[in-house]
Amino acid sequence: MKKAVQIGAGLVGSVIANDMSDEFEVTVVDLNEQALSALKAKNPKLKTAVCSAIDEVGLPSLIKDADIVTAGVPGKFGMKMMEIVIGSGKNLSDISFMPEDFDVLEGLAKEKGVTVVPDIGVAPGMSNFLMGRGAALLDEVAEARIYVGGIPHKPVPPFNYQITWSAADVIEEYTRPARYVKNFEPTVIEAMGDLNEKEFPQVGVLETFITDGLRSLMKNIKAKDMEERTMRWPGHVAQMRLLRDMGLFDEEKRTLGGHEVSPRDVACDLLFPMWKMSPESGDRDLTVMQVEVKGYKGSDYVTHTWNLCDKFDEKTMVNSMGRCTGFTCAIFARAIAQGLISERGVIAPEKLAGADKLYDFVMSSQARRGIIYTESCNVVKNVRQH
C-alpha cells in the first residue's frame, strides 16, 4: 500500500487524512497530541507522529518513505514547511495559505524533481482551477470573477454570520486592501469595497464585496477585468464597516478603559463567541461559490460558469467548508500520485486546468464525494467579425 503523510491535524487536516486513508497508509503529523489522539480514536487506520511542521530534522525523517505529502498548517509556517518537504524530495498537495510568494521555491522544486500544488483548497484552490479552466477554453478573457463565501445556512442575528475558521483571519479580510484587475491594470480598493447584491442559485440574494483573494491568478491569467468577491448575508458588511471605523479592528495598542490593549485582540475575543458555529446546537454552514469567465472564442462571445452550493454533512458532522477544502487537497494529492500531473515545480492550480484528463478526474472525484459543481456555457454567436 502506498504511503501518505498529512502535516497538520486541524479541522481540514483531519478531512484530508480520513479521505486519503481509503487508498493510502496515512501518518498524521502534528505537535498537538490531543488532536492526534482524537483523530485516531475516530479512524484507527491512521498512524500519528508528534512533530512540528517546521522541524528540519524530525519532519524529513517522518516523510522519507512517503509517496505523497499533504499539508494544512497555519499560514505563518507554510513557507518553511513547504521548503522542508521539497528539500526532502517529496511531492506535495498543500492548503496552507502562506503570505509569502510560493514561486520562490520553484527552482528548488525543479532541482529536486518534485511536483507541488499550493493553495489547493476551495478558494484559493478550486476557484483558481476553474478560472484557469475558463481561460484555457477561450482565446481571450474579457471578465473573470470568483464569488465565494462560507456562511451559515440562514442569517444568524445579530451579525447574520458565523465562522468555521479563526476570527482573526476574518477580520484580516475586512481590513486588508484588496487587489483586483481593471482594464488589464492591477488596482487596489479599500477592504470591503464596491459592495453590491447578487442572486445565487439555491441560496438567494447575498451581498458581495471585493477581497484580496486573487493571489497567483494576477500573474497567471491575462484578463481585462478580474476580481474575487466574498459573499455574506445582507447587512453584515455595514456592521463590519462600523466596527472598523470605530477603530475596533486596529492592531496597534491603545489605552482603552485604563488598560493598554490591541483593539483587534479585544474585538476577536468579543466577536468569536458570538460568531462561533456550534453544530451540536443545530448550527449548519454553506459553501457558496460561483466562478464566471467571459471572453472570445473565435468570433463568439462565450461565458463559462461554475456554481457550487454545498451543505454541512449530517452523516459525518463535518462542516461544508472543511469538506470542500480538504477533499480538494486529497483529490489533487491522488492526481499527483497517479501521474495525472507530470510537471515538476511549484504549480499554481490555474496552470493545470487546461488538461482535460485532469479536469475530468477532479470534477468526477468531487462529485463522488457529494460536492457538485454545476457547469454551464452560454454562447453568443458572431459577436465580432474578423
Protein backbone atom coordinates (compact mmCIF):
# COMPACT_ATOMS: atom_id res chain seq x y z
CA MET A 1 0.00 0.00 0.00
CA LYS A 2 1.30 3.45 -0.88
CA LYS A 3 2.20 5.78 1.97
CA ALA A 4 0.95 9.34 2.57
CA VAL A 5 1.85 11.84 5.28
CA GLN A 6 -0.59 14.58 6.30
CA ILE A 7 1.05 17.53 8.09
CA GLY A 8 -1.47 19.19 10.42
CA ALA A 9 -4.30 17.58 12.41
CA GLY A 10 -6.72 20.51 12.42
CA LEU A 11 -10.29 20.53 11.14
CA VAL A 12 -9.31 20.39 7.46
CA GLY A 13 -6.24 18.24 8.09
CA SER A 14 -8.47 15.56 9.57
CA VAL A 15 -10.72 15.61 6.47
CA ILE A 16 -7.64 15.17 4.23
CA ALA A 17 -6.23 12.35 6.38
CA ASN A 18 -9.52 10.43 6.52
CA ASP A 19 -10.07 10.77 2.78
CA MET A 20 -6.53 9.65 1.94
CA SER A 21 -6.78 6.64 4.28
CA ASP A 22 -9.12 4.91 1.79
CA GLU A 23 -6.18 4.27 -0.53
CA PHE A 24 -3.03 5.10 1.39
CA GLU A 25 -1.36 4.19 4.65
CA VAL A 26 -1.60 7.62 6.28
CA THR A 27 0.56 9.12 9.03
CA VAL A 28 -0.68 12.40 10.53
CA VAL A 29 1.96 14.75 11.93
CA ASP A 30 1.17 17.47 14.48
CA LEU A 31 2.53 18.92 17.72
CA ASN A 32 -0.90 18.67 19.36
CA GLU A 33 -1.09 15.20 20.89
CA GLN A 34 -4.72 15.69 21.88
CA ALA A 35 -5.74 16.42 18.29
CA LEU A 36 -3.84 13.34 17.09
CA SER A 37 -5.49 11.09 19.70
CA ALA A 38 -8.96 12.38 18.79
CA LEU A 39 -8.26 11.69 15.12
CA LYS A 40 -7.01 8.17 15.77
CA ALA A 41 -9.99 7.39 18.02
CA LYS A 42 -12.32 8.17 15.10
CA ASN A 43 -10.18 6.43 12.46
CA PRO A 44 -7.93 3.68 13.90
CA LYS A 45 -6.36 3.14 10.45
CA LEU A 46 -4.42 6.38 10.86
CA LYS A 47 -0.90 6.45 12.26
CA THR A 48 0.21 9.52 14.19
CA ALA A 49 3.51 11.25 14.97
CA VAL A 50 4.21 14.21 17.25
CA CYS A 51 6.41 16.69 15.40
CA SER A 52 6.43 20.34 14.37
CA ALA A 53 5.64 21.25 10.75
CA ILE A 54 8.91 23.21 10.64
CA ASP A 55 11.20 20.70 12.38
CA GLU A 56 14.14 20.45 9.96
CA VAL A 57 15.32 17.13 11.41
CA GLY A 58 12.13 15.41 12.57
CA LEU A 59 9.91 16.15 9.56
CA PRO A 60 12.27 14.86 6.83
CA SER A 61 12.68 11.56 8.70
CA LEU A 62 8.89 11.18 9.03
CA ILE A 63 8.23 11.79 5.31
CA LYS A 64 11.22 9.89 3.89
CA ASP A 65 9.11 6.85 2.84
CA ALA A 66 6.04 8.83 1.75
CA ASP A 67 4.75 8.54 -1.81
CA ILE A 68 2.84 11.81 -1.36
CA VAL A 69 2.65 14.53 1.30
CA THR A 70 -0.44 16.62 2.04
CA ALA A 71 -0.50 19.62 4.35
CA GLY A 72 -2.68 22.16 6.09
CA VAL A 73 -0.73 24.27 8.58
CA PRO A 74 -1.14 27.87 9.80
CA GLY A 75 -0.02 30.32 7.11
CA LYS A 76 2.96 31.61 9.09
CA PHE A 77 4.56 28.12 8.99
CA GLY A 78 3.52 27.33 5.40
CA MET A 79 6.62 28.54 3.57
CA LYS A 80 9.12 26.82 5.85
CA MET A 81 7.13 23.58 5.83
CA MET A 82 6.95 23.61 2.03
CA GLU A 83 10.70 24.22 1.79
CA ILE A 84 11.42 21.22 4.07
CA VAL A 85 9.11 18.91 2.08
CA ILE A 86 10.60 19.99 -1.26
CA GLY A 87 14.12 19.73 0.16
CA SER A 88 13.29 16.13 1.16
CA GLY A 89 12.42 15.38 -2.48
CA LYS A 90 8.71 14.80 -1.84
CA ASN A 91 5.61 15.72 -3.88
CA LEU A 92 3.13 17.94 -2.03
CA SER A 93 -0.55 18.93 -2.20
CA ASP A 94 -0.99 21.87 0.17
CA ILE A 95 -3.73 24.15 1.52
CA SER A 96 -1.55 26.32 3.81
CA PHE A 97 -2.47 29.92 2.93
CA MET A 98 1.00 31.46 3.23
CA PRO A 99 1.55 35.23 3.00
CA GLU A 100 4.80 34.77 1.02
CA ASP A 101 5.07 34.08 -2.73
CA PHE A 102 5.48 30.33 -3.17
CA ASP A 103 7.06 30.87 -6.61
CA VAL A 104 10.41 31.48 -4.88
CA LEU A 105 10.59 27.70 -4.27
CA GLU A 106 10.07 26.88 -7.97
CA GLY A 107 13.82 26.47 -8.62
CA LEU A 108 14.31 24.12 -5.67
CA ALA A 109 11.28 22.02 -6.66
CA LYS A 110 12.55 21.61 -10.23
CA GLU A 111 16.04 20.79 -8.98
CA LYS A 112 14.60 18.10 -6.67
CA GLY A 113 12.27 16.83 -9.42
CA VAL A 114 9.09 17.21 -7.38
CA THR A 115 5.54 18.38 -8.05
CA VAL A 116 3.97 20.83 -5.61
CA VAL A 117 0.41 22.12 -5.96
CA PRO A 118 -0.02 25.01 -3.48
CA ASP A 119 -3.17 26.87 -2.36
CA ILE A 120 -5.29 23.85 -3.28
CA GLY A 121 -8.41 24.19 -1.12
CA VAL A 122 -11.73 25.62 -2.24
CA ALA A 123 -10.76 29.32 -2.57
CA PRO A 124 -7.91 29.59 -3.25
CA GLY A 125 -7.86 26.21 -4.95
CA MET A 126 -10.90 25.14 -6.94
CA SER A 127 -11.58 28.83 -7.62
CA ASN A 128 -8.16 29.07 -9.33
CA PHE A 129 -8.58 25.74 -11.12
CA LEU A 130 -11.98 26.69 -12.56
CA MET A 131 -10.89 30.18 -13.54
CA GLY A 132 -7.89 28.60 -15.25
CA ARG A 133 -10.24 26.18 -16.99
CA GLY A 134 -12.43 29.00 -18.27
CA ALA A 135 -9.38 30.88 -19.54
CA ALA A 136 -7.99 27.75 -21.26
CA LEU A 137 -11.27 27.30 -23.15
CA LEU A 138 -11.18 30.88 -24.52
CA ASP A 139 -8.88 32.74 -26.91
CA GLU A 140 -9.19 35.97 -24.94
CA VAL A 141 -10.54 36.62 -21.44
CA ALA A 142 -12.65 39.76 -21.01
CA GLU A 143 -14.05 39.27 -17.49
CA ALA A 144 -13.21 36.72 -14.80
CA ARG A 145 -14.94 36.70 -11.42
CA ILE A 146 -14.91 34.48 -8.37
CA TYR A 147 -17.73 34.84 -5.85
CA VAL A 148 -17.15 32.79 -2.71
CA GLY A 149 -18.41 32.64 0.85
CA GLY A 150 -18.56 30.32 3.82
CA ILE A 151 -21.80 31.37 5.51
CA PRO A 152 -24.36 30.00 7.98
CA HIS A 153 -27.23 28.19 6.22
CA LYS A 154 -29.51 31.03 7.29
CA PRO A 155 -28.72 34.53 8.65
CA VAL A 156 -27.88 34.29 12.36
CA PRO A 157 -28.52 37.54 14.28
CA PRO A 158 -27.08 39.94 15.27
CA PHE A 159 -24.31 39.70 12.64
CA ASN A 160 -26.03 37.35 10.15
CA TYR A 161 -22.78 35.42 10.28
CA GLN A 162 -20.90 32.50 11.82
CA ILE A 163 -17.42 31.19 11.23
CA THR A 164 -15.72 27.89 10.70
CA TRP A 165 -12.19 29.32 10.99
CA SER A 166 -10.41 31.96 13.10
CA ALA A 167 -11.95 35.36 13.86
CA ALA A 168 -8.53 36.99 13.34
CA ASP A 169 -8.39 35.71 9.74
CA VAL A 170 -11.89 37.03 9.02
CA ILE A 171 -11.02 40.46 10.44
CA GLU A 172 -7.88 40.46 8.30
CA GLU A 173 -10.14 40.09 5.25
CA TYR A 174 -12.15 43.10 6.45
CA THR A 175 -9.10 45.34 6.86
CA ARG A 176 -6.58 44.40 4.17
CA PRO A 177 -6.85 46.46 0.97
CA ALA A 178 -7.92 44.27 -1.95
CA ARG A 179 -6.11 43.88 -5.27
CA TYR A 180 -8.01 43.22 -8.46
CA VAL A 181 -7.55 43.82 -12.21
CA LYS A 182 -9.34 46.60 -14.09
CA ASN A 183 -8.65 47.22 -17.77
CA PHE A 184 -5.57 44.93 -17.58
CA GLU A 185 -4.10 47.01 -14.72
CA PRO A 186 -3.60 45.78 -11.13
CA THR A 187 -5.79 48.04 -8.96
CA VAL A 188 -6.26 48.41 -5.21
CA ILE A 189 -9.50 49.14 -3.38
CA GLU A 190 -10.15 49.52 0.35
CA ALA A 191 -11.25 46.38 2.18
CA MET A 192 -15.00 45.64 1.88
CA GLY A 193 -15.11 47.98 -1.10
CA ASP A 194 -17.54 48.05 -4.05
CA LEU A 195 -20.41 46.42 -2.16
CA ASN A 196 -23.32 45.07 -4.19
CA GLU A 197 -26.03 42.41 -4.05
CA LYS A 198 -26.48 39.44 -6.36
CA GLU A 199 -28.75 36.41 -6.51
CA PHE A 200 -27.16 32.95 -6.38
CA PRO A 201 -28.75 29.58 -7.25
CA GLN A 202 -30.19 27.62 -4.28
CA VAL A 203 -29.32 30.45 -1.85
CA GLY A 204 -30.97 33.72 -2.86
CA VAL A 205 -29.63 37.25 -2.55
CA LEU A 206 -26.23 37.77 -0.93
CA GLU A 207 -24.08 40.87 -0.62
CA THR A 208 -20.67 40.71 -2.31
CA PHE A 209 -17.53 42.83 -1.97
CA ILE A 210 -14.05 42.71 -3.48
CA THR A 211 -11.45 40.86 -1.38
CA ASP A 212 -7.74 40.21 -1.78
CA GLY A 213 -8.05 36.60 -2.91
CA LEU A 214 -6.67 36.52 -6.47
CA ARG A 215 -3.08 35.81 -5.38
CA SER A 216 -1.28 33.85 -8.17
CA LEU A 217 -4.18 34.45 -10.60
CA MET A 218 -2.99 38.06 -11.02
CA LYS A 219 0.21 36.72 -12.56
CA ASN A 220 -1.06 33.71 -14.43
CA ILE A 221 -4.38 34.74 -16.03
CA LYS A 222 -4.43 37.52 -18.61
CA ALA A 223 -7.86 39.09 -18.26
CA LYS A 224 -9.16 42.59 -18.98
CA ASP A 225 -11.12 42.63 -15.69
CA MET A 226 -10.65 40.13 -12.87
CA GLU A 227 -11.75 40.08 -9.23
CA GLU A 228 -12.57 37.87 -6.30
CA ARG A 229 -15.62 38.75 -4.22
CA THR A 230 -16.57 37.47 -0.80
CA MET A 231 -20.25 36.80 -0.11
CA ARG A 232 -22.21 37.39 3.08
CA TRP A 233 -25.88 37.54 4.06
CA PRO A 234 -27.14 41.12 3.53
CA GLY A 235 -26.47 43.58 6.35
CA HIS A 236 -23.21 42.09 7.59
CA VAL A 237 -20.81 44.46 5.82
CA ALA A 238 -22.44 47.64 7.17
CA GLN A 239 -21.87 46.30 10.71
CA MET A 240 -18.25 45.40 9.99
CA ARG A 241 -17.57 48.82 8.45
CA LEU A 242 -18.97 50.43 11.59
CA LEU A 243 -16.70 48.36 13.87
CA ARG A 244 -13.73 49.09 11.63
CA ASP A 245 -14.45 52.83 11.54
CA MET A 246 -14.66 52.82 15.37
CA GLY A 247 -11.05 51.55 15.39
CA LEU A 248 -12.00 48.15 16.80
CA PHE A 249 -10.01 46.33 14.11
CA ASP A 250 -6.78 48.33 14.68
CA GLU A 251 -3.80 46.24 15.74
CA GLU A 252 -1.73 48.96 17.43
CA LYS A 253 -2.11 49.04 21.18
CA ARG A 254 -4.10 51.84 22.75
CA THR A 255 -5.22 52.80 26.22
CA LEU A 256 -8.83 51.68 26.49
CA GLY A 257 -10.68 51.62 29.79
CA GLY A 258 -7.42 52.41 31.54
CA HIS A 259 -5.63 49.38 30.05
CA GLU A 260 -3.07 49.08 27.25
CA VAL A 261 -4.66 46.71 24.70
CA SER A 262 -4.81 45.94 20.99
CA PRO A 263 -8.38 46.81 19.86
CA ARG A 264 -8.28 43.91 17.38
CA ASP A 265 -7.48 41.39 20.14
CA VAL A 266 -10.45 42.71 22.11
CA ALA A 267 -12.68 42.56 19.01
CA CYS A 268 -11.66 38.92 18.37
CA ASP A 269 -12.37 37.99 22.00
CA LEU A 270 -15.81 39.63 21.84
CA LEU A 271 -16.81 38.51 18.34
CA PHE A 272 -15.57 34.93 18.33
CA PRO A 273 -18.04 33.57 20.93
CA MET A 274 -20.88 35.31 19.04
CA TRP A 275 -19.69 34.00 15.66
CA LYS A 276 -18.70 30.51 16.69
CA MET A 277 -20.60 27.84 14.83
CA SER A 278 -21.93 25.13 17.12
CA PRO A 279 -23.14 22.07 15.14
CA GLU A 280 -24.31 20.43 18.41
CA SER A 281 -26.79 23.29 18.83
CA GLY A 282 -28.06 22.91 15.28
CA ASP A 283 -25.78 25.41 13.50
CA ARG A 284 -25.07 24.48 9.89
CA ASP A 285 -22.88 26.08 7.22
CA LEU A 286 -22.96 26.51 3.45
CA THR A 287 -20.11 26.93 1.00
CA VAL A 288 -21.32 29.03 -1.92
CA MET A 289 -19.13 29.70 -4.94
CA GLN A 290 -19.62 30.95 -8.47
CA VAL A 291 -16.78 31.22 -10.97
CA GLU A 292 -17.59 33.12 -14.14
CA VAL A 293 -15.18 33.53 -17.07
CA LYS A 294 -16.27 35.52 -20.12
CA GLY A 295 -14.47 36.22 -23.35
CA TYR A 296 -13.94 35.45 -27.01
CA LYS A 297 -13.59 32.13 -28.78
CA GLY A 298 -13.12 32.94 -32.43
CA SER A 299 -15.89 35.40 -33.29
CA ASP A 300 -18.20 34.18 -30.49
CA TYR A 301 -18.61 35.68 -27.01
CA VAL A 302 -18.65 32.80 -24.53
CA THR A 303 -19.45 32.67 -20.81
CA HIS A 304 -18.32 29.68 -18.74
CA THR A 305 -19.93 29.46 -15.28
CA TRP A 306 -19.49 27.03 -12.39
CA ASN A 307 -21.81 27.07 -9.38
CA LEU A 308 -21.35 25.34 -6.04
CA CYS A 309 -23.77 25.29 -3.11
CA ASP A 310 -22.52 22.72 -0.62
CA LYS A 311 -24.13 21.97 2.75
CA PHE A 312 -22.97 20.69 6.13
CA ASP A 313 -22.67 16.87 6.11
CA GLU A 314 -25.22 15.45 8.59
CA LYS A 315 -23.73 11.95 8.38
CA THR A 316 -20.15 12.83 9.33
CA MET A 317 -20.99 16.09 11.17
CA VAL A 318 -18.22 17.82 9.20
CA ASN A 319 -18.81 21.40 8.11
CA SER A 320 -19.06 22.18 4.44
CA MET A 321 -16.04 24.49 4.26
CA GLY A 322 -13.85 21.76 5.82
CA ARG A 323 -15.13 19.18 3.32
CA CYS A 324 -14.80 21.38 0.23
CA THR A 325 -11.26 22.38 1.23
CA GLY A 326 -9.97 19.04 2.49
CA PHE A 327 -11.43 16.87 -0.28
CA THR A 328 -9.89 19.13 -2.95
CA CYS A 329 -6.44 18.80 -1.40
CA ALA A 330 -6.82 14.99 -1.21
CA ILE A 331 -8.08 14.78 -4.81
CA PHE A 332 -5.07 16.68 -6.12
CA ALA A 333 -2.74 14.54 -3.97
CA ARG A 334 -4.17 11.47 -5.71
CA ALA A 335 -3.77 13.15 -9.11
CA ILE A 336 -0.07 13.74 -8.37
CA ALA A 337 0.40 10.18 -7.04
CA GLN A 338 -1.30 8.72 -10.13
CA GLY A 339 0.88 10.73 -12.50
CA LEU A 340 -2.00 12.85 -13.84
CA ILE A 341 0.16 15.89 -13.04
CA SER A 342 3.57 15.25 -14.52
CA GLU A 343 5.02 18.78 -14.49
CA ARG A 344 7.76 19.47 -11.97
CA GLY A 345 7.94 22.62 -9.88
CA VAL A 346 5.55 24.67 -7.73
CA ILE A 347 2.47 24.83 -9.94
CA ALA A 348 -0.45 27.15 -9.15
CA PRO A 349 -3.81 25.34 -9.70
CA GLU A 350 -4.88 27.60 -12.57
CA LYS A 351 -1.91 26.41 -14.66
CA LEU A 352 -3.14 22.81 -14.53
CA ALA A 353 -6.72 23.33 -15.68
CA GLY A 354 -6.14 23.08 -19.43
CA ALA A 355 -5.54 19.30 -19.20
CA ASP A 356 -8.86 17.55 -20.00
CA LYS A 357 -7.93 14.28 -18.28
CA LEU A 358 -7.03 16.01 -15.02
CA TYR A 359 -10.11 18.25 -15.19
CA ASP A 360 -12.42 15.22 -15.66
CA PHE A 361 -10.69 13.37 -12.80
CA VAL A 362 -11.02 16.33 -10.42
CA MET A 363 -14.68 17.05 -11.21
CA SER A 364 -15.80 13.40 -11.04
CA SER A 365 -13.83 12.89 -7.79
CA GLN A 366 -15.57 15.93 -6.26
CA ALA A 367 -18.98 14.65 -7.37
CA ARG A 368 -18.31 11.20 -5.87
CA ARG A 369 -17.78 12.94 -2.53
CA GLY A 370 -21.08 14.79 -2.91
CA ILE A 371 -19.53 18.11 -3.90
CA ILE A 372 -21.30 19.15 -7.06
CA TYR A 373 -20.04 21.94 -9.31
CA THR A 374 -22.71 22.64 -11.93
CA GLU A 375 -21.19 23.89 -15.13
CA SER A 376 -22.89 25.94 -17.82
CA CYS A 377 -21.78 27.60 -21.03
CA ASN A 378 -23.51 30.41 -22.86
CA VAL A 379 -22.50 31.29 -26.42
CA VAL A 380 -23.43 34.43 -28.31
CA LYS A 381 -22.55 33.76 -31.95
CA ASN A 382 -20.63 36.07 -34.27
CA VAL A 383 -20.18 38.97 -31.86
CA ARG A 384 -17.16 40.26 -33.67
CA GLN A 385 -16.15 39.97 -37.28
CA HIS A 386 -12.61 39.04 -38.17
